[in-house]
Amino acid sequence: MLPASEVFQELDRYQINYKVVHHPAVYTTEEADRFFKTYDFAKVRNLFLDNKDHFYLVMIDDQKRLDMKKLRKQLQTRRFSFASQEALEKVMGIKNGAVSPFNLLNDEQHQVKLVIDQTIVDENDFIGCHPNDNTQTVILKINDLLKLIQRWGYEVTVLPL
């Protein structure tokens, strides 16, 4: 796993403005919300899914529940399940609680497909993401994050979830 400092170096390399908020380790969006009452950014749940063909990182508004059947139909693919802890560690290089689009830096074989909830993109200017460490949150513009992910060679699929 790349440390948070590597994520910051990547952001600096592309001259992306960001803010880092340090906090105790958080494992759920509910826990994280306690530390961000005065911040205005999209709060998302990052779900690491497997459908036996591919791994998917699905970013969904934290107030929504993911309908996996609907997602399967939208992507015209097999049934989804949550990926195992072993797959999370092997592919994304992290443990539960730190799932984030920044984990794609750890996916050396580009095994993960990224899907983002349309609401996140349409209704927010900023987003908060863990930098491979659930004791910090990076706040940056959503458009900057999407451009960065594309620079890493990933296609970004935006869907109404």
N, C-alpha and C. Protein backbone atom coordinates (compact mmCIF):
# COMPACT_ATOMS: atom_id res chain seq x y z
N MET A 1 0.84 -1.19 0.00
CA MET A 1 0.00 0.00 0.00
C MET A 1 0.88 1.25 0.00
N LEU A 2 0.52 2.16 -0.86
CA LEU A 2 1.23 3.44 -0.87
C LEU A 2 0.78 4.26 0.33
N PRO A 3 1.70 4.89 1.04
CA PRO A 3 1.30 5.72 2.18
C PRO A 3 0.60 7.00 1.71
N ALA A 4 -0.05 7.65 2.64
CA ALA A 4 -0.76 8.90 2.34
C ALA A 4 0.18 9.92 1.71
N SER A 5 1.43 9.93 2.14
CA SER A 5 2.38 10.90 1.58
C SER A 5 2.52 10.75 0.07
N GLU A 6 2.41 9.52 -0.45
CA GLU A 6 2.48 9.28 -1.90
C GLU A 6 1.25 9.86 -2.60
N VAL A 7 0.10 9.76 -1.95
CA VAL A 7 -1.13 10.36 -2.50
C VAL A 7 -0.95 11.87 -2.59
N PHE A 8 -0.41 12.47 -1.53
CA PHE A 8 -0.20 13.92 -1.53
C PHE A 8 0.80 14.33 -2.62
N GLN A 9 1.84 13.53 -2.81
CA GLN A 9 2.81 13.81 -3.87
C GLN A 9 2.14 13.78 -5.24
N GLU A 10 1.25 12.83 -5.43
CA GLU A 10 0.53 12.72 -6.70
C GLU A 10 -0.35 13.95 -6.92
N LEU A 11 -1.03 14.39 -5.89
CA LEU A 11 -1.87 15.59 -5.98
C LEU A 11 -1.01 16.82 -6.28
N ASP A 12 0.13 16.92 -5.61
CA ASP A 12 1.04 18.05 -5.83
C ASP A 12 1.63 18.02 -7.24
N ARG A 13 1.96 16.83 -7.71
CA ARG A 13 2.55 16.70 -9.05
C ARG A 13 1.64 17.28 -10.13
N TYR A 14 0.33 17.08 -9.95
CA TYR A 14 -0.64 17.60 -10.93
C TYR A 14 -1.22 18.95 -10.50
N GLN A 15 -0.62 19.56 -9.50
CA GLN A 15 -1.00 20.89 -9.03
C GLN A 15 -2.48 20.96 -8.68
N ILE A 16 -2.95 19.97 -7.95
CA ILE A 16 -4.34 19.92 -7.51
C ILE A 16 -4.42 20.51 -6.11
N ASN A 17 -5.29 21.47 -5.94
CA ASN A 17 -5.51 22.06 -4.62
C ASN A 17 -6.32 21.09 -3.77
N TYR A 18 -5.93 20.95 -2.52
CA TYR A 18 -6.62 20.06 -1.60
C TYR A 18 -6.38 20.50 -0.16
N LYS A 19 -7.20 19.99 0.70
CA LYS A 19 -7.06 20.23 2.14
C LYS A 19 -7.07 18.88 2.82
N VAL A 20 -6.26 18.70 3.84
CA VAL A 20 -6.22 17.45 4.60
C VAL A 20 -6.79 17.69 6.00
N VAL A 21 -7.72 16.84 6.38
CA VAL A 21 -8.29 16.89 7.73
C VAL A 21 -7.83 15.63 8.45
N HIS A 22 -7.16 15.81 9.59
CA HIS A 22 -6.71 14.70 10.41
C HIS A 22 -7.77 14.40 11.46
N HIS A 23 -8.01 13.13 11.73
CA HIS A 23 -9.05 12.72 12.68
C HIS A 23 -8.73 11.31 13.17
N PRO A 24 -9.40 10.87 14.23
CA PRO A 24 -9.21 9.48 14.67
C PRO A 24 -9.67 8.52 13.55
N ALA A 25 -9.23 7.29 13.61
CA ALA A 25 -9.63 6.30 12.60
C ALA A 25 -11.15 6.19 12.55
N VAL A 26 -11.70 6.19 11.33
CA VAL A 26 -13.14 6.02 11.12
C VAL A 26 -13.35 4.85 10.17
N TYR A 27 -14.43 4.11 10.42
CA TYR A 27 -14.72 2.92 9.62
C TYR A 27 -16.05 3.00 8.90
N THR A 28 -16.86 3.99 9.23
CA THR A 28 -18.15 4.17 8.58
C THR A 28 -18.36 5.65 8.30
N THR A 29 -19.29 5.94 7.40
CA THR A 29 -19.59 7.34 7.11
C THR A 29 -20.22 8.02 8.32
N GLU A 30 -20.95 7.24 9.11
CA GLU A 30 -21.56 7.82 10.32
C GLU A 30 -20.49 8.28 11.30
N GLU A 31 -19.46 7.48 11.48
CA GLU A 31 -18.36 7.87 12.36
C GLU A 31 -17.66 9.12 11.82
N ALA A 32 -17.43 9.15 10.52
CA ALA A 32 -16.72 10.27 9.91
C ALA A 32 -17.50 11.57 10.01
N ASP A 33 -18.83 11.48 9.93
CA ASP A 33 -19.67 12.69 9.96
C ASP A 33 -19.44 13.54 11.21
N ARG A 34 -19.04 12.92 12.30
CA ARG A 34 -18.78 13.67 13.54
C ARG A 34 -17.68 14.70 13.38
N PHE A 35 -16.77 14.47 12.44
CA PHE A 35 -15.61 15.34 12.28
C PHE A 35 -15.76 16.37 11.16
N PHE A 36 -16.88 16.32 10.46
CA PHE A 36 -17.01 17.17 9.27
C PHE A 36 -18.26 18.04 9.27
N LYS A 37 -18.74 18.39 10.43
CA LYS A 37 -19.96 19.21 10.50
C LYS A 37 -19.79 20.58 9.88
N THR A 38 -18.59 21.12 9.87
CA THR A 38 -18.38 22.47 9.34
C THR A 38 -17.81 22.47 7.93
N TYR A 39 -17.71 21.30 7.32
CA TYR A 39 -17.15 21.19 5.97
C TYR A 39 -18.27 20.91 4.97
N ASP A 40 -18.13 21.47 3.78
CA ASP A 40 -19.13 21.27 2.73
C ASP A 40 -18.50 20.50 1.57
N PHE A 41 -18.73 19.20 1.54
CA PHE A 41 -18.25 18.35 0.45
C PHE A 41 -19.11 17.10 0.37
N ALA A 42 -19.07 16.42 -0.77
CA ALA A 42 -19.84 15.19 -0.95
C ALA A 42 -19.30 14.13 0.00
N LYS A 43 -20.21 13.56 0.74
CA LYS A 43 -19.86 12.47 1.63
C LYS A 43 -20.35 11.18 0.98
N VAL A 44 -19.43 10.28 0.75
CA VAL A 44 -19.75 9.08 -0.03
C VAL A 44 -19.37 7.81 0.71
N ARG A 45 -20.02 6.74 0.30
CA ARG A 45 -19.62 5.40 0.71
C ARG A 45 -18.90 4.80 -0.48
N ASN A 46 -17.77 4.20 -0.23
CA ASN A 46 -16.98 3.55 -1.27
C ASN A 46 -17.10 2.05 -1.07
N LEU A 47 -17.72 1.38 -2.04
CA LEU A 47 -17.98 -0.04 -1.93
C LEU A 47 -17.11 -0.81 -2.92
N PHE A 48 -16.43 -1.82 -2.43
CA PHE A 48 -15.56 -2.64 -3.27
C PHE A 48 -16.30 -3.93 -3.57
N LEU A 49 -16.69 -4.08 -4.84
CA LEU A 49 -17.54 -5.19 -5.25
C LEU A 49 -16.82 -6.12 -6.22
N ASP A 50 -17.34 -7.34 -6.32
CA ASP A 50 -16.79 -8.36 -7.19
C ASP A 50 -17.97 -9.00 -7.93
N ASN A 51 -17.79 -9.27 -9.22
CA ASN A 51 -18.83 -10.02 -9.94
C ASN A 51 -18.24 -11.22 -10.66
N LYS A 52 -17.11 -11.70 -10.20
CA LYS A 52 -16.38 -12.85 -10.73
C LYS A 52 -15.65 -12.53 -12.03
N ASP A 53 -16.04 -11.46 -12.74
CA ASP A 53 -15.33 -11.05 -13.95
C ASP A 53 -14.38 -9.88 -13.66
N HIS A 54 -14.85 -8.97 -12.82
CA HIS A 54 -14.10 -7.75 -12.52
C HIS A 54 -14.37 -7.32 -11.08
N PHE A 55 -13.48 -6.46 -10.60
CA PHE A 55 -13.72 -5.77 -9.33
C PHE A 55 -14.25 -4.39 -9.68
N TYR A 56 -15.10 -3.85 -8.83
CA TYR A 56 -15.67 -2.53 -9.03
C TYR A 56 -15.53 -1.72 -7.75
N LEU A 57 -15.14 -0.48 -7.90
CA LEU A 57 -15.20 0.49 -6.81
C LEU A 57 -16.41 1.36 -7.13
N VAL A 58 -17.41 1.30 -6.26
CA VAL A 58 -18.63 2.06 -6.47
C VAL A 58 -18.70 3.15 -5.41
N MET A 59 -18.77 4.39 -5.88
CA MET A 59 -18.88 5.55 -4.99
C MET A 59 -20.32 6.02 -5.03
N ILE A 60 -20.99 5.94 -3.88
CA ILE A 60 -22.40 6.30 -3.81
C ILE A 60 -22.61 7.30 -2.68
N ASP A 61 -23.55 8.20 -2.88
CA ASP A 61 -23.91 9.17 -1.85
C ASP A 61 -24.16 8.42 -0.54
N ASP A 62 -23.61 8.92 0.55
CA ASP A 62 -23.71 8.17 1.82
C ASP A 62 -25.13 8.08 2.37
N GLN A 63 -26.07 8.82 1.80
CA GLN A 63 -27.47 8.74 2.25
C GLN A 63 -28.27 7.72 1.44
N LYS A 64 -27.65 7.10 0.45
CA LYS A 64 -28.34 6.14 -0.41
C LYS A 64 -27.90 4.71 -0.09
N ARG A 65 -28.76 3.78 -0.47
CA ARG A 65 -28.42 2.36 -0.43
C ARG A 65 -28.22 1.90 -1.86
N LEU A 66 -27.20 1.13 -2.09
CA LEU A 66 -26.92 0.65 -3.44
C LEU A 66 -27.85 -0.50 -3.79
N ASP A 67 -28.54 -0.37 -4.90
CA ASP A 67 -29.37 -1.45 -5.44
C ASP A 67 -28.48 -2.22 -6.42
N MET A 68 -27.95 -3.35 -5.96
CA MET A 68 -27.00 -4.10 -6.77
C MET A 68 -27.66 -4.71 -8.01
N LYS A 69 -28.94 -5.03 -7.92
CA LYS A 69 -29.63 -5.56 -9.11
C LYS A 69 -29.73 -4.48 -10.18
N LYS A 70 -30.06 -3.27 -9.77
CA LYS A 70 -30.14 -2.16 -10.72
C LYS A 70 -28.76 -1.89 -11.34
N LEU A 71 -27.73 -1.89 -10.51
CA LEU A 71 -26.37 -1.67 -11.01
C LEU A 71 -25.98 -2.75 -12.01
N ARG A 72 -26.32 -3.99 -11.72
CA ARG A 72 -26.01 -5.10 -12.62
C ARG A 72 -26.67 -4.86 -13.98
N LYS A 73 -27.93 -4.44 -13.96
CA LYS A 73 -28.64 -4.18 -15.21
C LYS A 73 -28.04 -2.98 -15.95
N GLN A 74 -27.69 -1.93 -15.21
CA GLN A 74 -27.10 -0.74 -15.85
C GLN A 74 -25.79 -1.08 -16.55
N LEU A 75 -24.99 -1.93 -15.93
CA LEU A 75 -23.69 -2.29 -16.48
C LEU A 75 -23.76 -3.54 -17.37
N GLN A 76 -24.93 -4.16 -17.42
CA GLN A 76 -25.15 -5.38 -18.21
C GLN A 76 -24.07 -6.41 -17.89
N THR A 77 -24.04 -6.78 -16.62
CA THR A 77 -23.01 -7.70 -16.14
C THR A 77 -23.60 -8.72 -15.18
N ARG A 78 -22.76 -9.54 -14.62
CA ARG A 78 -23.17 -10.57 -13.66
C ARG A 78 -23.55 -9.96 -12.31
N ARG A 79 -24.08 -10.82 -11.47
CA ARG A 79 -24.43 -10.44 -10.10
C ARG A 79 -23.22 -9.97 -9.32
N PHE A 80 -23.45 -9.00 -8.44
CA PHE A 80 -22.39 -8.46 -7.60
C PHE A 80 -22.46 -9.04 -6.20
N SER A 81 -21.29 -9.09 -5.58
CA SER A 81 -21.20 -9.36 -4.14
C SER A 81 -20.08 -8.47 -3.62
N PHE A 82 -20.04 -8.32 -2.32
CA PHE A 82 -18.94 -7.55 -1.75
C PHE A 82 -17.67 -8.37 -1.88
N ALA A 83 -16.60 -7.73 -2.31
CA ALA A 83 -15.32 -8.42 -2.47
C ALA A 83 -14.80 -8.84 -1.09
N SER A 84 -14.02 -9.88 -1.08
CA SER A 84 -13.45 -10.39 0.17
C SER A 84 -12.40 -9.44 0.72
N GLN A 85 -12.14 -9.58 2.02
CA GLN A 85 -11.08 -8.81 2.65
C GLN A 85 -9.75 -9.11 1.98
N GLU A 86 -9.55 -10.37 1.62
CA GLU A 86 -8.32 -10.78 0.95
C GLU A 86 -8.16 -10.04 -0.38
N ALA A 87 -9.23 -9.94 -1.17
CA ALA A 87 -9.17 -9.23 -2.45
C ALA A 87 -8.93 -7.74 -2.22
N LEU A 88 -9.57 -7.19 -1.21
CA LEU A 88 -9.38 -5.77 -0.89
C LEU A 88 -7.91 -5.48 -0.59
N GLU A 89 -7.29 -6.34 0.20
CA GLU A 89 -5.88 -6.15 0.54
C GLU A 89 -4.97 -6.38 -0.65
N LYS A 90 -5.27 -7.41 -1.45
CA LYS A 90 -4.40 -7.77 -2.58
C LYS A 90 -4.52 -6.76 -3.72
N VAL A 91 -5.73 -6.38 -4.07
CA VAL A 91 -5.95 -5.52 -5.24
C VAL A 91 -5.82 -4.04 -4.89
N MET A 92 -6.46 -3.63 -3.81
CA MET A 92 -6.50 -2.21 -3.45
C MET A 92 -5.44 -1.82 -2.42
N GLY A 93 -4.82 -2.82 -1.79
CA GLY A 93 -3.72 -2.56 -0.88
C GLY A 93 -4.12 -1.95 0.45
N ILE A 94 -5.37 -2.14 0.85
CA ILE A 94 -5.83 -1.55 2.12
C ILE A 94 -6.76 -2.52 2.85
N LYS A 95 -7.13 -2.12 4.06
CA LYS A 95 -8.09 -2.88 4.85
C LYS A 95 -9.41 -2.12 4.88
N ASN A 96 -10.46 -2.79 5.37
CA ASN A 96 -11.76 -2.13 5.50
C ASN A 96 -11.62 -0.82 6.25
N GLY A 97 -12.40 0.16 5.86
CA GLY A 97 -12.38 1.45 6.54
C GLY A 97 -11.59 2.50 5.79
N ALA A 98 -10.77 2.09 4.84
CA ALA A 98 -9.95 3.05 4.10
C ALA A 98 -10.22 2.98 2.59
N VAL A 99 -11.34 2.35 2.20
CA VAL A 99 -11.66 2.23 0.77
C VAL A 99 -11.91 3.62 0.21
N SER A 100 -11.26 3.90 -0.92
CA SER A 100 -11.25 5.25 -1.48
C SER A 100 -10.80 5.18 -2.93
N PRO A 101 -11.17 6.17 -3.73
CA PRO A 101 -10.64 6.20 -5.10
C PRO A 101 -9.12 6.33 -5.13
N PHE A 102 -8.50 6.84 -4.09
CA PHE A 102 -7.04 6.91 -4.06
C PHE A 102 -6.40 5.52 -3.99
N ASN A 103 -7.17 4.51 -3.59
CA ASN A 103 -6.65 3.14 -3.57
C ASN A 103 -6.31 2.65 -4.97
N LEU A 104 -6.87 3.30 -5.99
CA LEU A 104 -6.57 2.89 -7.36
C LEU A 104 -5.07 3.01 -7.67
N LEU A 105 -4.38 3.86 -6.92
CA LEU A 105 -2.92 3.96 -7.07
C LEU A 105 -2.24 2.63 -6.72
N ASN A 106 -2.89 1.84 -5.87
CA ASN A 106 -2.34 0.55 -5.45
C ASN A 106 -2.68 -0.58 -6.42
N ASP A 107 -3.63 -0.35 -7.31
CA ASP A 107 -4.10 -1.36 -8.26
C ASP A 107 -3.18 -1.37 -9.47
N GLU A 108 -2.03 -2.00 -9.33
CA GLU A 108 -1.00 -1.97 -10.37
C GLU A 108 -1.45 -2.62 -11.67
N GLN A 109 -2.37 -3.57 -11.60
CA GLN A 109 -2.81 -4.30 -12.80
C GLN A 109 -4.11 -3.73 -13.38
N HIS A 110 -4.57 -2.62 -12.84
CA HIS A 110 -5.82 -1.99 -13.31
C HIS A 110 -6.96 -3.01 -13.39
N GLN A 111 -7.20 -3.68 -12.28
CA GLN A 111 -8.25 -4.70 -12.21
C GLN A 111 -9.60 -4.13 -11.83
N VAL A 112 -9.63 -2.87 -11.40
CA VAL A 112 -10.84 -2.29 -10.83
C VAL A 112 -11.50 -1.34 -11.82
N LYS A 113 -12.82 -1.44 -11.90
CA LYS A 113 -13.61 -0.50 -12.69
C LYS A 113 -14.27 0.47 -11.70
N LEU A 114 -14.31 1.74 -12.05
CA LEU A 114 -14.85 2.76 -11.16
C LEU A 114 -16.22 3.21 -11.63
N VAL A 115 -17.18 3.21 -10.69
CA VAL A 115 -18.54 3.68 -10.96
C VAL A 115 -18.87 4.73 -9.90
N ILE A 116 -19.35 5.89 -10.36
CA ILE A 116 -19.69 6.98 -9.44
C ILE A 116 -21.16 7.34 -9.61
N ASP A 117 -21.82 7.54 -8.49
CA ASP A 117 -23.21 7.98 -8.46
C ASP A 117 -23.34 9.36 -9.11
N GLN A 118 -24.23 9.49 -10.05
CA GLN A 118 -24.48 10.74 -10.77
C GLN A 118 -24.75 11.90 -9.80
N THR A 119 -25.45 11.63 -8.72
CA THR A 119 -25.78 12.66 -7.73
C THR A 119 -24.53 13.33 -7.18
N ILE A 120 -23.50 12.55 -6.94
CA ILE A 120 -22.25 13.09 -6.39
C ILE A 120 -21.67 14.12 -7.34
N VAL A 121 -21.63 13.79 -8.61
CA VAL A 121 -21.03 14.67 -9.61
C VAL A 121 -21.91 15.89 -9.87
N ASP A 122 -23.21 15.70 -9.93
CA ASP A 122 -24.12 16.79 -10.30
C ASP A 122 -24.41 17.78 -9.19
N GLU A 123 -24.36 17.34 -7.94
CA GLU A 123 -24.83 18.18 -6.84
C GLU A 123 -23.75 18.69 -5.91
N ASN A 124 -22.49 18.43 -6.22
CA ASN A 124 -21.40 18.81 -5.32
C ASN A 124 -20.22 19.35 -6.11
N ASP A 125 -19.49 20.27 -5.49
CA ASP A 125 -18.24 20.76 -6.08
C ASP A 125 -17.03 20.04 -5.50
N PHE A 126 -17.14 19.63 -4.23
CA PHE A 126 -16.01 19.03 -3.53
C PHE A 126 -16.38 17.65 -3.02
N ILE A 127 -15.34 16.84 -2.78
CA ILE A 127 -15.51 15.49 -2.25
C ILE A 127 -14.42 15.23 -1.23
N GLY A 128 -14.70 14.35 -0.30
CA GLY A 128 -13.71 13.95 0.69
C GLY A 128 -13.37 12.48 0.52
N CYS A 129 -12.06 12.16 0.51
CA CYS A 129 -11.59 10.79 0.30
C CYS A 129 -10.41 10.49 1.22
N HIS A 130 -10.36 9.27 1.73
CA HIS A 130 -9.21 8.85 2.51
C HIS A 130 -8.00 8.66 1.60
N PRO A 131 -6.83 9.12 2.01
CA PRO A 131 -5.61 8.93 1.21
C PRO A 131 -4.89 7.63 1.57
N ASN A 132 -5.59 6.49 1.44
CA ASN A 132 -5.07 5.17 1.82
C ASN A 132 -4.86 5.05 3.33
N ASP A 133 -5.54 5.88 4.08
CA ASP A 133 -5.38 5.95 5.54
C ASP A 133 -6.67 6.54 6.11
N ASN A 134 -7.34 5.78 6.96
CA ASN A 134 -8.63 6.26 7.47
C ASN A 134 -8.52 7.18 8.69
N THR A 135 -7.33 7.75 8.90
CA THR A 135 -7.18 8.77 9.94
C THR A 135 -7.01 10.16 9.32
N GLN A 136 -7.21 10.22 8.01
CA GLN A 136 -7.11 11.49 7.29
C GLN A 136 -8.17 11.50 6.18
N THR A 137 -8.60 12.70 5.84
CA THR A 137 -9.51 12.87 4.71
C THR A 137 -9.00 14.02 3.87
N VAL A 138 -8.90 13.77 2.56
CA VAL A 138 -8.49 14.79 1.61
C VAL A 138 -9.75 15.38 0.99
N ILE A 139 -9.86 16.69 1.04
CA ILE A 139 -10.99 17.38 0.42
C ILE A 139 -10.46 18.09 -0.82
N LEU A 140 -11.08 17.78 -1.96
CA LEU A 140 -10.66 18.37 -3.23
C LEU A 140 -11.87 18.49 -4.16
N LYS A 141 -11.69 19.21 -5.25
CA LYS A 141 -12.77 19.35 -6.22
C LYS A 141 -13.02 18.00 -6.89
N ILE A 142 -14.30 17.69 -7.07
CA ILE A 142 -14.67 16.44 -7.71
C ILE A 142 -14.07 16.36 -9.12
N ASN A 143 -14.15 17.44 -9.87
CA ASN A 143 -13.61 17.42 -11.23
C ASN A 143 -12.12 17.14 -11.24
N ASP A 144 -11.39 17.66 -10.25
CA ASP A 144 -9.96 17.37 -10.16
C ASP A 144 -9.72 15.89 -9.88
N LEU A 145 -10.52 15.31 -9.00
CA LEU A 145 -10.39 13.88 -8.69
C LEU A 145 -10.66 13.05 -9.94
N LEU A 146 -11.71 13.38 -10.67
CA LEU A 146 -12.06 12.60 -11.86
C LEU A 146 -10.96 12.70 -12.93
N LYS A 147 -10.41 13.88 -13.12
CA LYS A 147 -9.32 14.05 -14.08
C LYS A 147 -8.09 13.25 -13.66
N LEU A 148 -7.80 13.26 -12.37
CA LEU A 148 -6.65 12.51 -11.85
C LEU A 148 -6.83 11.02 -12.09
N ILE A 149 -8.00 10.51 -11.80
CA ILE A 149 -8.28 9.08 -12.00
C ILE A 149 -8.14 8.71 -13.47
N GLN A 150 -8.58 9.58 -14.35
CA GLN A 150 -8.43 9.32 -15.78
C GLN A 150 -6.96 9.36 -16.19
N ARG A 151 -6.17 10.25 -15.58
CA ARG A 151 -4.73 10.28 -15.86
C ARG A 151 -4.06 8.97 -15.46
N TRP A 152 -4.61 8.31 -14.45
CA TRP A 152 -4.06 7.03 -14.00
C TRP A 152 -4.46 5.90 -14.95
N GLY A 153 -5.30 6.20 -15.94
CA GLY A 153 -5.67 5.20 -16.93
C GLY A 153 -6.99 4.49 -16.66
N TYR A 154 -7.80 5.05 -15.79
CA TYR A 154 -9.09 4.44 -15.48
C TYR A 154 -10.21 5.18 -16.20
N GLU A 155 -11.17 4.41 -16.66
CA GLU A 155 -12.40 4.98 -17.20
C GLU A 155 -13.33 5.24 -16.02
N VAL A 156 -14.00 6.38 -16.04
CA VAL A 156 -14.93 6.72 -14.98
C VAL A 156 -16.34 6.57 -15.53
N THR A 157 -17.14 5.70 -14.92
CA THR A 157 -18.53 5.51 -15.32
C THR A 157 -19.41 6.22 -14.31
N VAL A 158 -20.20 7.19 -14.79
CA VAL A 158 -21.10 7.94 -13.92
C VAL A 158 -22.52 7.47 -14.24
N LEU A 159 -23.23 6.98 -13.22
CA LEU A 159 -24.57 6.43 -13.39
C LEU A 159 -25.51 6.94 -12.29
N PRO A 160 -26.80 7.04 -12.58
CA PRO A 160 -27.75 7.34 -11.51
C PRO A 160 -27.96 6.08 -10.66
N LEU A 161 -27.49 6.10 -9.45
CA LEU A 161 -27.58 4.91 -8.59
C LEU A 161 -28.68 5.06 -7.55
